[in-house]
């Protein structure tokens, strides 16, 4: 499999960007990290200007168009950062970020200002401080390991983290957010499974945005996790020109289900800097959810959520089916009395 592309010359060599665009793109990659795994590169249709894989990972000069309402920290991580590597926004759960590097860098990422930065790497003593925080806060029932992508860690390093969390009595659930099974599937092997196994409930939340990401290798990687007894849920970002139509979105949700992954969140695209070209309106997202509801299995229904800028948390923003008069609308748009 081809190597990971990490520089603009790499992209030119593989005909993914035009050499004439390099001056603008150089400014983009100076601010926002670049990496495209060989697995993703092989999926890109270079003859399709609207290729959904290319749009997600290949930098664009559109990222230089920064709107006034876009933010360096759109969901307010810094507001709720307790110690380095810990964000404690909700009472019963916290984020633990042992690493802020990824196998690929999504151009719409809400942490695009931080991921890939060496200054964000957490040192051994800082990891201990993070564990101390979790141990001292007995209200933390669930630890969400995120980043970056935690499955980019070597299995031995990840096993140490899981083992340490497993020893904290009040932590009953460990959730891992990752793109690795679809973007760098070979990392999901026996050693990784061994690292994830513990006495607590371990869930893997897979981030995927388009059905094309479900390659045979990705399907096999997910099956390895699930067959090992590790349940999976999904996360998807609603992205203009990539999955903002019912044909693609419903196919993606069915891909999750047929691979035994429960659709969990459909995220409205956050206000990260330079991401306006990816964002739909909430009304457009609600219309898609109406189309999904009723026409496709209940198993295929994610929760459509919006992360309120400034650190106020995510809230469901799906369509409402009951009006002020108390009448209920069915999925075909007809009203019924309660």
C-alpha atoms as a PDB file:
ATOM      1  CA  UNK A   1       0.000   0.000   0.000  1.00  0.00           C
ATOM      2  CA  UNK A   2       1.252   3.492  -0.829  1.00  0.00           C
ATOM      3  CA  UNK A   3       2.941   5.587   1.827  1.00  0.00           C
ATOM      4  CA  UNK A   4       1.202   8.404   3.680  1.00  0.00           C
ATOM      5  CA  UNK A   5       1.361  11.697   1.781  1.00  0.00           C
ATOM      6  CA  UNK A   6       2.551  14.469   4.093  1.00  0.00           C
ATOM      7  CA  UNK A   7       3.818  17.320   1.898  1.00  0.00           C
ATOM      8  CA  UNK A   8       2.576  19.424  -0.996  1.00  0.00           C
ATOM      9  CA  UNK A   9       5.257  17.952  -3.321  1.00  0.00           C
ATOM     10  CA  UNK A  10       3.784  14.529  -2.446  1.00  0.00           C
ATOM     11  CA  UNK A  11       0.376  15.747  -3.595  1.00  0.00           C
ATOM     12  CA  UNK A  12       1.774  17.225  -6.807  1.00  0.00           C
ATOM     13  CA  UNK A  13       3.626  13.986  -7.556  1.00  0.00           C
ATOM     14  CA  UNK A  14       0.379  12.038  -7.226  1.00  0.00           C
ATOM     15  CA  UNK A  15      -1.627  14.558  -9.288  1.00  0.00           C
ATOM     16  CA  UNK A  16      -3.820  15.522  -6.341  1.00  0.00           C
ATOM     17  CA  UNK A  17      -3.129  19.261  -6.583  1.00  0.00           C
ATOM     18  CA  UNK A  18      -2.013  21.575  -9.363  1.00  0.00           C
ATOM     19  CA  UNK A  19       1.507  22.984  -9.096  1.00  0.00           C
ATOM     20  CA  UNK A  20       0.107  26.440  -9.882  1.00  0.00           C
ATOM     21  CA  UNK A  21      -1.909  26.324  -6.641  1.00  0.00           C
ATOM     22  CA  UNK A  22       1.113  25.715  -4.407  1.00  0.00           C
ATOM     23  CA  UNK A  23       1.606  29.298  -3.139  1.00  0.00           C
ATOM     24  CA  UNK A  24      -1.906  29.440  -1.668  1.00  0.00           C
ATOM     25  CA  UNK A  25      -1.786  25.852  -0.438  1.00  0.00           C
ATOM     26  CA  UNK A  26       1.540  26.476   1.282  1.00  0.00           C
ATOM     27  CA  UNK A  27      -0.214  29.035   3.468  1.00  0.00           C
ATOM     28  CA  UNK A  28      -2.952  26.503   4.224  1.00  0.00           C
ATOM     29  CA  UNK A  29      -0.619  23.692   5.313  1.00  0.00           C
ATOM     30  CA  UNK A  30       1.474  26.043   7.435  1.00  0.00           C
ATOM     31  CA  UNK A  31      -1.609  26.461   9.647  1.00  0.00           C
ATOM     32  CA  UNK A  32      -3.447  23.162   9.221  1.00  0.00           C
ATOM     33  CA  UNK A  33      -1.662  19.800   9.185  1.00  0.00           C
ATOM     34  CA  UNK A  34      -1.573  17.550   6.121  1.00  0.00           C
ATOM     35  CA  UNK A  35      -1.572  13.745   5.939  1.00  0.00           C
ATOM     36  CA  UNK A  36      -3.365  11.339   3.600  1.00  0.00           C
ATOM     37  CA  UNK A  37      -2.825   7.615   4.080  1.00  0.00           C
ATOM     38  CA  UNK A  38      -2.125   5.429   1.100  1.00  0.00           C
ATOM     39  CA  UNK A  39      -5.425   3.671   1.763  1.00  0.00           C
ATOM     40  CA  UNK A  40      -7.334   6.926   1.280  1.00  0.00           C
ATOM     41  CA  UNK A  41      -5.178   8.114  -1.602  1.00  0.00           C
ATOM     42  CA  UNK A  42      -6.033   4.974  -3.571  1.00  0.00           C
ATOM     43  CA  UNK A  43      -9.745   5.791  -3.291  1.00  0.00           C
ATOM     44  CA  UNK A  44      -9.466   9.250  -4.842  1.00  0.00           C
ATOM     45  CA  UNK A  45     -10.876   9.599  -8.335  1.00  0.00           C
ATOM     46  CA  UNK A  46      -8.574  12.222  -9.863  1.00  0.00           C
ATOM     47  CA  UNK A  47     -10.986  12.761 -12.751  1.00  0.00           C
ATOM     48  CA  UNK A  48     -13.805  13.784 -10.427  1.00  0.00           C
ATOM     49  CA  UNK A  49     -13.514  17.370  -9.115  1.00  0.00           C
ATOM     50  CA  UNK A  50     -16.192  16.499  -6.543  1.00  0.00           C
ATOM     51  CA  UNK A  51     -14.541  13.319  -5.315  1.00  0.00           C
ATOM     52  CA  UNK A  52     -15.766  12.865  -1.711  1.00  0.00           C
ATOM     53  CA  UNK A  53     -12.475  11.448  -0.431  1.00  0.00           C
ATOM     54  CA  UNK A  54     -10.349  14.170  -2.001  1.00  0.00           C
ATOM     55  CA  UNK A  55     -12.616  16.874  -0.567  1.00  0.00           C
ATOM     56  CA  UNK A  56     -12.145  15.505   2.942  1.00  0.00           C
ATOM     57  CA  UNK A  57      -8.348  15.271   2.961  1.00  0.00           C
ATOM     58  CA  UNK A  58      -6.723  17.295   0.157  1.00  0.00           C
ATOM     59  CA  UNK A  59      -6.069  20.909   1.230  1.00  0.00           C
ATOM     60  CA  UNK A  60      -7.869  23.664  -0.632  1.00  0.00           C
ATOM     61  CA  UNK A  61      -7.390  27.401  -0.983  1.00  0.00           C
ATOM     62  CA  UNK A  62     -10.977  27.697   0.271  1.00  0.00           C
ATOM     63  CA  UNK A  63      -9.551  27.094   3.761  1.00  0.00           C
ATOM     64  CA  UNK A  64      -8.047  30.595   3.571  1.00  0.00           C
ATOM     65  CA  UNK A  65     -11.564  32.088   3.483  1.00  0.00           C
ATOM     66  CA  UNK A  66     -12.069  32.515   7.223  1.00  0.00           C
ATOM     67  CA  UNK A  67     -15.446  33.877   8.316  1.00  0.00           C
ATOM     68  CA  UNK A  68     -15.992  36.198  11.273  1.00  0.00           C
ATOM     69  CA  UNK A  69     -18.000  33.601  13.204  1.00  0.00           C
ATOM     70  CA  UNK A  70     -15.354  30.865  12.848  1.00  0.00           C
ATOM     71  CA  UNK A  71     -13.164  30.066  15.839  1.00  0.00           C
ATOM     72  CA  UNK A  72      -9.782  28.616  16.746  1.00  0.00           C
ATOM     73  CA  UNK A  73     -11.541  26.510  19.416  1.00  0.00           C
ATOM     74  CA  UNK A  74     -15.086  26.124  18.077  1.00  0.00           C
ATOM     75  CA  UNK A  75     -16.459  23.700  20.681  1.00  0.00           C
ATOM     76  CA  UNK A  76     -14.727  25.248  23.692  1.00  0.00           C
ATOM     77  CA  UNK A  77     -12.190  22.593  24.649  1.00  0.00           C
ATOM     78  CA  UNK A  78     -10.044  25.201  26.374  1.00  0.00           C
ATOM     79  CA  UNK A  79     -12.953  26.369  28.526  1.00  0.00           C
ATOM     80  CA  UNK A  80     -13.240  22.893  30.058  1.00  0.00           C
ATOM     81  CA  UNK A  81      -9.581  21.854  30.019  1.00  0.00           C
ATOM     82  CA  UNK A  82      -8.702  20.819  33.568  1.00  0.00           C
ATOM     83  CA  UNK A  83      -5.132  19.582  33.095  1.00  0.00           C
ATOM     84  CA  UNK A  84      -3.220  18.877  29.904  1.00  0.00           C
ATOM     85  CA  UNK A  85      -4.980  16.068  28.062  1.00  0.00           C
ATOM     86  CA  UNK A  86      -8.242  16.259  30.040  1.00  0.00           C
ATOM     87  CA  UNK A  87     -11.404  18.090  28.962  1.00  0.00           C
ATOM     88  CA  UNK A  88     -14.232  17.678  31.490  1.00  0.00           C
ATOM     89  CA  UNK A  89     -17.342  19.241  29.948  1.00  0.00           C
ATOM     90  CA  UNK A  90     -20.132  16.943  31.165  1.00  0.00           C
ATOM     91  CA  UNK A  91     -20.511  15.669  34.750  1.00  0.00           C
ATOM     92  CA  UNK A  92     -20.232  11.902  34.223  1.00  0.00           C
ATOM     93  CA  UNK A  93     -17.608  11.753  31.453  1.00  0.00           C
ATOM     94  CA  UNK A  94     -14.401  13.363  30.335  1.00  0.00           C
ATOM     95  CA  UNK A  95     -12.211  13.439  27.275  1.00  0.00           C
ATOM     96  CA  UNK A  96      -8.699  12.062  27.600  1.00  0.00           C
ATOM     97  CA  UNK A  97      -6.346  13.087  24.794  1.00  0.00           C
ATOM     98  CA  UNK A  98      -3.044  11.223  25.117  1.00  0.00           C
ATOM     99  CA  UNK A  99      -2.041  12.073  21.536  1.00  0.00           C
ATOM    100  CA  UNK A 100      -2.898  14.862  19.082  1.00  0.00           C
ATOM    101  CA  UNK A 101      -1.661  13.293  15.867  1.00  0.00           C
ATOM    102  CA  UNK A 102      -3.740  11.434  13.302  1.00  0.00           C
ATOM    103  CA  UNK A 103      -3.126   9.093  10.363  1.00  0.00           C
ATOM    104  CA  UNK A 104      -5.109  11.565   8.216  1.00  0.00           C
ATOM    105  CA  UNK A 105      -6.051  15.201   8.759  1.00  0.00           C
ATOM    106  CA  UNK A 106      -9.632  16.071   7.874  1.00  0.00           C
ATOM    107  CA  UNK A 107      -9.880  19.549   6.390  1.00  0.00           C
ATOM    108  CA  UNK A 108     -13.027  20.267   8.442  1.00  0.00           C
ATOM    109  CA  UNK A 109     -11.690  19.062  11.820  1.00  0.00           C
ATOM    110  CA  UNK A 110     -12.807  21.132  14.822  1.00  0.00           C
ATOM    111  CA  UNK A 111      -9.333  20.617  16.314  1.00  0.00           C
ATOM    112  CA  UNK A 112      -7.489  21.456  13.084  1.00  0.00           C
ATOM    113  CA  UNK A 113      -5.584  24.236  14.873  1.00  0.00           C
ATOM    114  CA  UNK A 114      -4.047  21.745  17.328  1.00  0.00           C
ATOM    115  CA  UNK A 115      -3.719  18.310  15.739  1.00  0.00           C
ATOM    116  CA  UNK A 116      -0.282  17.535  14.385  1.00  0.00           C
ATOM    117  CA  UNK A 117       1.409  20.151  16.582  1.00  0.00           C
ATOM    118  CA  UNK A 118       4.410  18.783  18.481  1.00  0.00           C
ATOM    119  CA  UNK A 119       3.784  21.267  21.298  1.00  0.00           C
ATOM    120  CA  UNK A 120       0.523  19.468  22.036  1.00  0.00           C
ATOM    121  CA  UNK A 121       2.224  16.116  22.684  1.00  0.00           C
ATOM    122  CA  UNK A 122       1.556  14.986  26.232  1.00  0.00           C
ATOM    123  CA  UNK A 123       4.632  14.068  28.278  1.00  0.00           C
ATOM    124  CA  UNK A 124       4.790  11.058  30.664  1.00  0.00           C
ATOM    125  CA  UNK A 125       4.457  13.217  33.783  1.00  0.00           C
ATOM    126  CA  UNK A 126       1.482  15.017  32.207  1.00  0.00           C
ATOM    127  CA  UNK A 127      -0.191  11.664  31.536  1.00  0.00           C
ATOM    128  CA  UNK A 128       0.192  10.853  35.224  1.00  0.00           C
ATOM    129  CA  UNK A 129      -1.412  14.173  36.120  1.00  0.00           C
ATOM    130  CA  UNK A 130      -4.297  13.316  33.775  1.00  0.00           C
ATOM    131  CA  UNK A 131      -4.794   9.927  35.440  1.00  0.00           C
ATOM    132  CA  UNK A 132      -4.663  11.621  38.843  1.00  0.00           C
ATOM    133  CA  UNK A 133      -7.468  13.967  37.773  1.00  0.00           C
ATOM    134  CA  UNK A 134      -9.658  11.037  36.672  1.00  0.00           C
ATOM    135  CA  UNK A 135      -8.939   9.149  39.906  1.00  0.00           C
ATOM    136  CA  UNK A 136      -9.828  12.164  42.039  1.00  0.00           C
ATOM    137  CA  UNK A 137     -13.120  12.874  40.258  1.00  0.00           C
ATOM    138  CA  UNK A 138     -15.330   9.961  41.187  1.00  0.00           C
ATOM    139  CA  UNK A 139     -18.255  11.322  39.171  1.00  0.00           C
ATOM    140  CA  UNK A 140     -16.414  10.301  35.982  1.00  0.00           C
ATOM    141  CA  UNK A 141     -18.200   7.142  34.852  1.00  0.00           C
ATOM    142  CA  UNK A 142     -16.938   7.179  31.248  1.00  0.00           C
ATOM    143  CA  UNK A 143     -13.570   8.156  29.792  1.00  0.00           C
ATOM    144  CA  UNK A 144     -13.546   9.031  26.094  1.00  0.00           C
ATOM    145  CA  UNK A 145     -10.083   8.537  24.621  1.00  0.00           C
ATOM    146  CA  UNK A 146      -9.735  10.867  21.672  1.00  0.00           C
ATOM    147  CA  UNK A 147      -7.253  13.327  20.245  1.00  0.00           C
ATOM    148  CA  UNK A 148      -5.841  13.153  17.605  1.00  0.00           C
ATOM    149  CA  UNK A 149      -6.532   9.516  17.005  1.00  0.00           C
ATOM    150  CA  UNK A 150      -5.669   7.179  19.899  1.00  0.00           C
ATOM    151  CA  UNK A 151      -5.429   4.129  17.641  1.00  0.00           C
ATOM    152  CA  UNK A 152      -2.372   5.661  15.990  1.00  0.00           C
ATOM    153  CA  UNK A 153      -0.510   4.740  19.191  1.00  0.00           C
ATOM    154  CA  UNK A 154       1.511   1.557  19.296  1.00  0.00           C
ATOM    155  CA  UNK A 155      -0.513  -1.224  20.933  1.00  0.00           C
ATOM    156  CA  UNK A 156       1.921  -1.431  23.869  1.00  0.00           C
ATOM    157  CA  UNK A 157       1.434   2.276  24.630  1.00  0.00           C
ATOM    158  CA  UNK A 158      -2.334   2.024  24.292  1.00  0.00           C
ATOM    159  CA  UNK A 159      -2.414  -1.064  26.507  1.00  0.00           C
ATOM    160  CA  UNK A 160      -0.744   0.895  29.328  1.00  0.00           C
ATOM    161  CA  UNK A 161      -3.465   3.539  29.101  1.00  0.00           C
ATOM    162  CA  UNK A 162      -6.309   1.008  29.039  1.00  0.00           C
ATOM    163  CA  UNK A 163      -4.778  -0.953  31.917  1.00  0.00           C
ATOM    164  CA  UNK A 164      -4.477   2.190  34.018  1.00  0.00           C
ATOM    165  CA  UNK A 165      -8.080   3.226  33.345  1.00  0.00           C
ATOM    166  CA  UNK A 166      -9.244  -0.327  34.023  1.00  0.00           C
ATOM    167  CA  UNK A 167      -7.811  -0.021  37.526  1.00  0.00           C
ATOM    168  CA  UNK A 168      -9.919   3.063  38.383  1.00  0.00           C
ATOM    169  CA  UNK A 169     -12.993   1.653  40.089  1.00  0.00           C
ATOM    170  CA  UNK A 170     -15.493   4.409  39.287  1.00  0.00           C
ATOM    171  CA  UNK A 171     -14.632   4.380  35.565  1.00  0.00           C
ATOM    172  CA  UNK A 172     -17.000   1.808  34.096  1.00  0.00           C
ATOM    173  CA  UNK A 173     -16.918   2.686  30.388  1.00  0.00           C
ATOM    174  CA  UNK A 174     -14.021   3.445  28.050  1.00  0.00           C
ATOM    175  CA  UNK A 175     -14.895   4.883  24.659  1.00  0.00           C
ATOM    176  CA  UNK A 176     -12.360   5.354  21.860  1.00  0.00           C
ATOM    177  CA  UNK A 177     -12.943   7.806  19.002  1.00  0.00           C
ATOM    178  CA  UNK A 178     -11.083   6.871  15.853  1.00  0.00           C
ATOM    179  CA  UNK A 179     -10.843   6.938  12.082  1.00  0.00           C
ATOM    180  CA  UNK A 180      -8.148   4.245  11.946  1.00  0.00           C
ATOM    181  CA  UNK A 181     -10.343   1.267  10.917  1.00  0.00           C
ATOM    182  CA  UNK A 182     -11.299   3.015   7.670  1.00  0.00           C
ATOM    183  CA  UNK A 183      -8.215   5.110   6.896  1.00  0.00           C
ATOM    184  CA  UNK A 184      -5.363   2.830   8.059  1.00  0.00           C
ATOM    185  CA  UNK A 185      -7.014  -0.546   8.514  1.00  0.00           C
ATOM    186  CA  UNK A 186      -3.828  -2.580   8.933  1.00  0.00           C
ATOM    187  CA  UNK A 187      -3.394  -1.123  12.418  1.00  0.00           C
ATOM    188  CA  UNK A 188      -6.342  -3.217  13.625  1.00  0.00           C
ATOM    189  CA  UNK A 189      -4.628  -6.514  14.393  1.00  0.00           C
ATOM    190  CA  UNK A 190      -4.245  -9.023  17.221  1.00  0.00           C
ATOM    191  CA  UNK A 191      -1.900  -6.747  19.167  1.00  0.00           C
ATOM    192  CA  UNK A 192      -4.376  -3.870  18.997  1.00  0.00           C
ATOM    193  CA  UNK A 193      -7.221  -6.106  20.145  1.00  0.00           C
ATOM    194  CA  UNK A 194      -5.104  -7.286  23.060  1.00  0.00           C
ATOM    195  CA  UNK A 195      -4.438  -3.657  23.992  1.00  0.00           C
ATOM    196  CA  UNK A 196      -8.148  -2.831  24.053  1.00  0.00           C
ATOM    197  CA  UNK A 197      -9.326  -5.821  26.072  1.00  0.00           C
ATOM    198  CA  UNK A 198     -10.033  -5.158  29.739  1.00  0.00           C
ATOM    199  CA  UNK A 199     -12.667  -5.731  32.415  1.00  0.00           C
ATOM    200  CA  UNK A 200     -14.556  -2.531  31.621  1.00  0.00           C
ATOM    201  CA  UNK A 201     -16.999  -1.912  28.781  1.00  0.00           C
ATOM    202  CA  UNK A 202     -14.919  -0.706  25.820  1.00  0.00           C
ATOM    203  CA  UNK A 203     -16.677   0.942  22.880  1.00  0.00           C
ATOM    204  CA  UNK A 204     -15.107   2.123  19.621  1.00  0.00           C
ATOM    205  CA  UNK A 205     -16.737   5.120  17.928  1.00  0.00           C
ATOM    206  CA  UNK A 206     -15.843   5.083  14.241  1.00  0.00           C
ATOM    207  CA  UNK A 207     -15.701   8.354  12.300  1.00  0.00           C
ATOM    208  CA  UNK A 208     -16.705   7.822   8.652  1.00  0.00           C
ATOM    209  CA  UNK A 209     -18.423  10.244   6.289  1.00  0.00           C
ATOM    210  CA  UNK A 210     -18.963   8.456   2.987  1.00  0.00           C
ATOM    211  CA  UNK A 211     -19.812   4.896   1.873  1.00  0.00           C
ATOM    212  CA  UNK A 212     -16.626   4.746  -0.240  1.00  0.00           C
ATOM    213  CA  UNK A 213     -14.619   4.642   2.980  1.00  0.00           C
ATOM    214  CA  UNK A 214     -15.952   1.123   3.568  1.00  0.00           C
ATOM    215  CA  UNK A 215     -13.296  -0.702   1.576  1.00  0.00           C
ATOM    216  CA  UNK A 216     -12.774  -4.472   2.020  1.00  0.00           C
ATOM    217  CA  UNK A 217      -9.866  -3.669   4.340  1.00  0.00           C
ATOM    218  CA  UNK A 218     -12.032  -1.321   6.417  1.00  0.00           C
ATOM    219  CA  UNK A 219     -14.833  -3.871   6.636  1.00  0.00           C
ATOM    220  CA  UNK A 220     -12.355  -6.510   7.805  1.00  0.00           C
ATOM    221  CA  UNK A 221     -10.877  -4.163  10.433  1.00  0.00           C
ATOM    222  CA  UNK A 222     -14.318  -3.415  11.866  1.00  0.00           C
ATOM    223  CA  UNK A 223     -15.169  -7.119  11.915  1.00  0.00           C
ATOM    224  CA  UNK A 224     -11.963  -7.871  13.849  1.00  0.00           C
ATOM    225  CA  UNK A 225     -13.004  -5.375  16.533  1.00  0.00           C
ATOM    226  CA  UNK A 226     -16.605  -6.532  16.752  1.00  0.00           C
ATOM    227  CA  UNK A 227     -15.785 -10.249  16.636  1.00  0.00           C
ATOM    228  CA  UNK A 228     -13.453  -9.616  19.581  1.00  0.00           C
ATOM    229  CA  UNK A 229     -16.459  -8.404  21.579  1.00  0.00           C
ATOM    230  CA  UNK A 230     -15.852  -4.667  21.168  1.00  0.00           C
ATOM    231  CA  UNK A 231     -19.104  -2.906  20.201  1.00  0.00           C
ATOM    232  CA  UNK A 232     -18.927  -0.075  17.697  1.00  0.00           C
ATOM    233  CA  UNK A 233     -20.955   3.090  17.177  1.00  0.00           C
ATOM    234  CA  UNK A 234     -20.566   5.715  14.461  1.00  0.00           C
ATOM    235  CA  UNK A 235     -19.845   9.405  14.118  1.00  0.00           C
ATOM    236  CA  UNK A 236     -20.413  11.324  10.908  1.00  0.00           C
ATOM    237  CA  UNK A 237     -19.993  15.004  10.088  1.00  0.00           C
ATOM    238  CA  UNK A 238     -22.628  16.468   7.774  1.00  0.00           C
ATOM    239  CA  UNK A 239     -20.554  17.907   4.917  1.00  0.00           C
ATOM    240  CA  UNK A 240     -21.735  19.971   1.970  1.00  0.00           C
ATOM    241  CA  UNK A 241     -21.007  18.284  -1.344  1.00  0.00           C
ATOM    242  CA  UNK A 242     -19.911  15.057   0.344  1.00  0.00           C
ATOM    243  CA  UNK A 243     -22.823  13.471   2.199  1.00  0.00           C
ATOM    244  CA  UNK A 244     -25.551  16.135   2.286  1.00  0.00           C
ATOM    245  CA  UNK A 245     -28.038  14.220   0.156  1.00  0.00           C
ATOM    246  CA  UNK A 246     -30.325  11.384   1.155  1.00  0.00           C
ATOM    247  CA  UNK A 247     -28.839   8.877  -1.297  1.00  0.00           C
ATOM    248  CA  UNK A 248     -25.336   9.131   0.169  1.00  0.00           C
ATOM    249  CA  UNK A 249     -26.418   9.591   3.780  1.00  0.00           C
ATOM    250  CA  UNK A 250     -28.812   6.643   3.794  1.00  0.00           C
ATOM    251  CA  UNK A 251     -26.260   4.418   2.055  1.00  0.00           C
ATOM    252  CA  UNK A 252     -23.662   5.388   4.657  1.00  0.00           C
ATOM    253  CA  UNK A 253     -26.018   4.602   7.551  1.00  0.00           C
ATOM    254  CA  UNK A 254     -26.824   1.247   5.986  1.00  0.00           C
ATOM    255  CA  UNK A 255     -23.076   0.588   5.603  1.00  0.00           C
ATOM    256  CA  UNK A 256     -22.691   1.095   9.326  1.00  0.00           C
ATOM    257  CA  UNK A 257     -25.587  -1.200  10.183  1.00  0.00           C
ATOM    258  CA  UNK A 258     -24.672  -4.043   7.847  1.00  0.00           C
ATOM    259  CA  UNK A 259     -21.199  -3.967   9.358  1.00  0.00           C
ATOM    260  CA  UNK A 260     -22.728  -4.139  12.872  1.00  0.00           C
ATOM    261  CA  UNK A 261     -21.969  -0.504  13.769  1.00  0.00           C
ATOM    262  CA  UNK A 262     -24.819   1.457  15.353  1.00  0.00           C
ATOM    263  CA  UNK A 263     -25.242   4.994  13.940  1.00  0.00           C
ATOM    264  CA  UNK A 264     -24.737   7.353  16.877  1.00  0.00           C
ATOM    265  CA  UNK A 265     -24.064  10.990  15.952  1.00  0.00           C
ATOM    266  CA  UNK A 266     -24.540  13.074  12.827  1.00  0.00           C
ATOM    267  CA  UNK A 267     -22.598  16.241  13.680  1.00  0.00           C
ATOM    268  CA  UNK A 268     -23.452  19.609  12.233  1.00  0.00           C
ATOM    269  CA  UNK A 269     -20.127  20.899  10.923  1.00  0.00           C
ATOM    270  CA  UNK A 270     -18.421  23.006  13.605  1.00  0.00           C
ATOM    271  CA  UNK A 271     -17.263  26.605  13.216  1.00  0.00           C
ATOM    272  CA  UNK A 272     -13.582  25.763  12.769  1.00  0.00           C
ATOM    273  CA  UNK A 273     -11.643  28.367  10.810  1.00  0.00           C
ATOM    274  CA  UNK A 274     -11.739  27.994   7.046  1.00  0.00           C
ATOM    275  CA  UNK A 275     -14.566  25.439   6.948  1.00  0.00           C
ATOM    276  CA  UNK A 276     -17.489  27.485   5.630  1.00  0.00           C
ATOM    277  CA  UNK A 277     -17.437  25.579   2.324  1.00  0.00           C
ATOM    278  CA  UNK A 278     -18.213  22.364   4.229  1.00  0.00           C
ATOM    279  CA  UNK A 279     -21.202  23.640   6.207  1.00  0.00           C
ATOM    280  CA  UNK A 280     -24.860  23.146   5.415  1.00  0.00           C
ATOM    281  CA  UNK A 281     -27.580  25.000   7.276  1.00  0.00           C
ATOM    282  CA  UNK A 282     -29.267  23.308  10.230  1.00  0.00           C
ATOM    283  CA  UNK A 283     -32.529  23.445   8.254  1.00  0.00           C
ATOM    284  CA  UNK A 284     -30.896  21.423   5.479  1.00  0.00           C
ATOM    285  CA  UNK A 285     -29.709  18.885   8.041  1.00  0.00           C
ATOM    286  CA  UNK A 286     -33.191  18.658   9.536  1.00  0.00           C
ATOM    287  CA  UNK A 287     -34.662  18.038   6.085  1.00  0.00           C
ATOM    288  CA  UNK A 288     -32.237  15.147   5.607  1.00  0.00           C
ATOM    289  CA  UNK A 289     -33.211  13.696   8.980  1.00  0.00           C
ATOM    290  CA  UNK A 290     -36.883  13.882   7.981  1.00  0.00           C
ATOM    291  CA  UNK A 291     -36.073  11.990   4.785  1.00  0.00           C
ATOM    292  CA  UNK A 292     -34.114   9.392   6.750  1.00  0.00           C
ATOM    293  CA  UNK A 293     -36.872   8.906   9.331  1.00  0.00           C
ATOM    294  CA  UNK A 294     -39.620   6.555   8.193  1.00  0.00           C
ATOM    295  CA  UNK A 295     -38.056   5.709   4.836  1.00  0.00           C
ATOM    296  CA  UNK A 296     -35.133   3.831   6.360  1.00  0.00           C
ATOM    297  CA  UNK A 297     -34.900   1.403   9.253  1.00  0.00           C
ATOM    298  CA  UNK A 298     -34.911   2.790  12.778  1.00  0.00           C
ATOM    299  CA  UNK A 299     -31.508   1.166  13.174  1.00  0.00           C
ATOM    300  CA  UNK A 300     -30.178   3.650  10.598  1.00  0.00           C
ATOM    301  CA  UNK A 301     -31.128   6.786  12.553  1.00  0.00           C
ATOM    302  CA  UNK A 302     -28.276   8.828  14.083  1.00  0.00           C
ATOM    303  CA  UNK A 303     -28.860  11.752  16.444  1.00  0.00           C
ATOM    304  CA  UNK A 304     -28.334  15.047  14.603  1.00  0.00           C
ATOM    305  CA  UNK A 305     -26.388  17.285  16.992  1.00  0.00           C
ATOM    306  CA  UNK A 306     -24.964  20.789  17.119  1.00  0.00           C
ATOM    307  CA  UNK A 307     -22.035  21.634  19.408  1.00  0.00           C
ATOM    308  CA  UNK A 308     -22.832  25.073  20.810  1.00  0.00           C
ATOM    309  CA  UNK A 309     -19.785  27.341  20.267  1.00  0.00           C
ATOM    310  CA  UNK A 310     -17.958  28.411  23.390  1.00  0.00           C
ATOM    311  CA  UNK A 311     -18.062  25.130  25.286  1.00  0.00           C
ATOM    312  CA  UNK A 312     -21.764  24.847  26.107  1.00  0.00           C
ATOM    313  CA  UNK A 313     -22.033  21.260  24.850  1.00  0.00           C
ATOM    314  CA  UNK A 314     -23.808  19.420  22.086  1.00  0.00           C
ATOM    315  CA  UNK A 315     -27.590  19.371  21.745  1.00  0.00           C
ATOM    316  CA  UNK A 316     -29.961  17.456  19.440  1.00  0.00           C
ATOM    317  CA  UNK A 317     -31.221  19.679  16.618  1.00  0.00           C
ATOM    318  CA  UNK A 318     -33.258  17.181  14.642  1.00  0.00           C
ATOM    319  CA  UNK A 319     -36.699  18.060  13.262  1.00  0.00           C
ATOM    320  CA  UNK A 320     -39.652  18.468  15.633  1.00  0.00           C
ATOM    321  CA  UNK A 321     -42.758  16.393  14.855  1.00  0.00           C
ATOM    322  CA  UNK A 322     -45.258  18.030  17.223  1.00  0.00           C
ATOM    323  CA  UNK A 323     -46.586  21.561  16.654  1.00  0.00           C
ATOM    324  CA  UNK A 324     -47.819  24.252  19.040  1.00  0.00           C
ATOM    325  CA  UNK A 325     -51.378  22.921  18.791  1.00  0.00           C
ATOM    326  CA  UNK A 326     -50.252  19.472  19.903  1.00  0.00           C
ATOM    327  CA  UNK A 327     -50.679  17.829  16.516  1.00  0.00           C
ATOM    328  CA  UNK A 328     -48.117  15.241  15.467  1.00  0.00           C
ATOM    329  CA  UNK A 329     -46.672  15.052  11.963  1.00  0.00           C
ATOM    330  CA  UNK A 330     -45.926  11.662  10.452  1.00  0.00           C
ATOM    331  CA  UNK A 331     -42.915  10.990   8.242  1.00  0.00           C
ATOM    332  CA  UNK A 332     -45.006  11.767   5.128  1.00  0.00           C
ATOM    333  CA  UNK A 333     -45.866  15.249   6.428  1.00  0.00           C
ATOM    334  CA  UNK A 334     -49.486  14.558   7.462  1.00  0.00           C
ATOM    335  CA  UNK A 335     -50.780  15.909  10.784  1.00  0.00           C
ATOM    336  CA  UNK A 336     -52.576  13.805  13.395  1.00  0.00           C
ATOM    337  CA  UNK A 337     -54.201  14.723  16.700  1.00  0.00           C
ATOM    338  CA  UNK A 338     -52.782  13.287  19.919  1.00  0.00           C
END
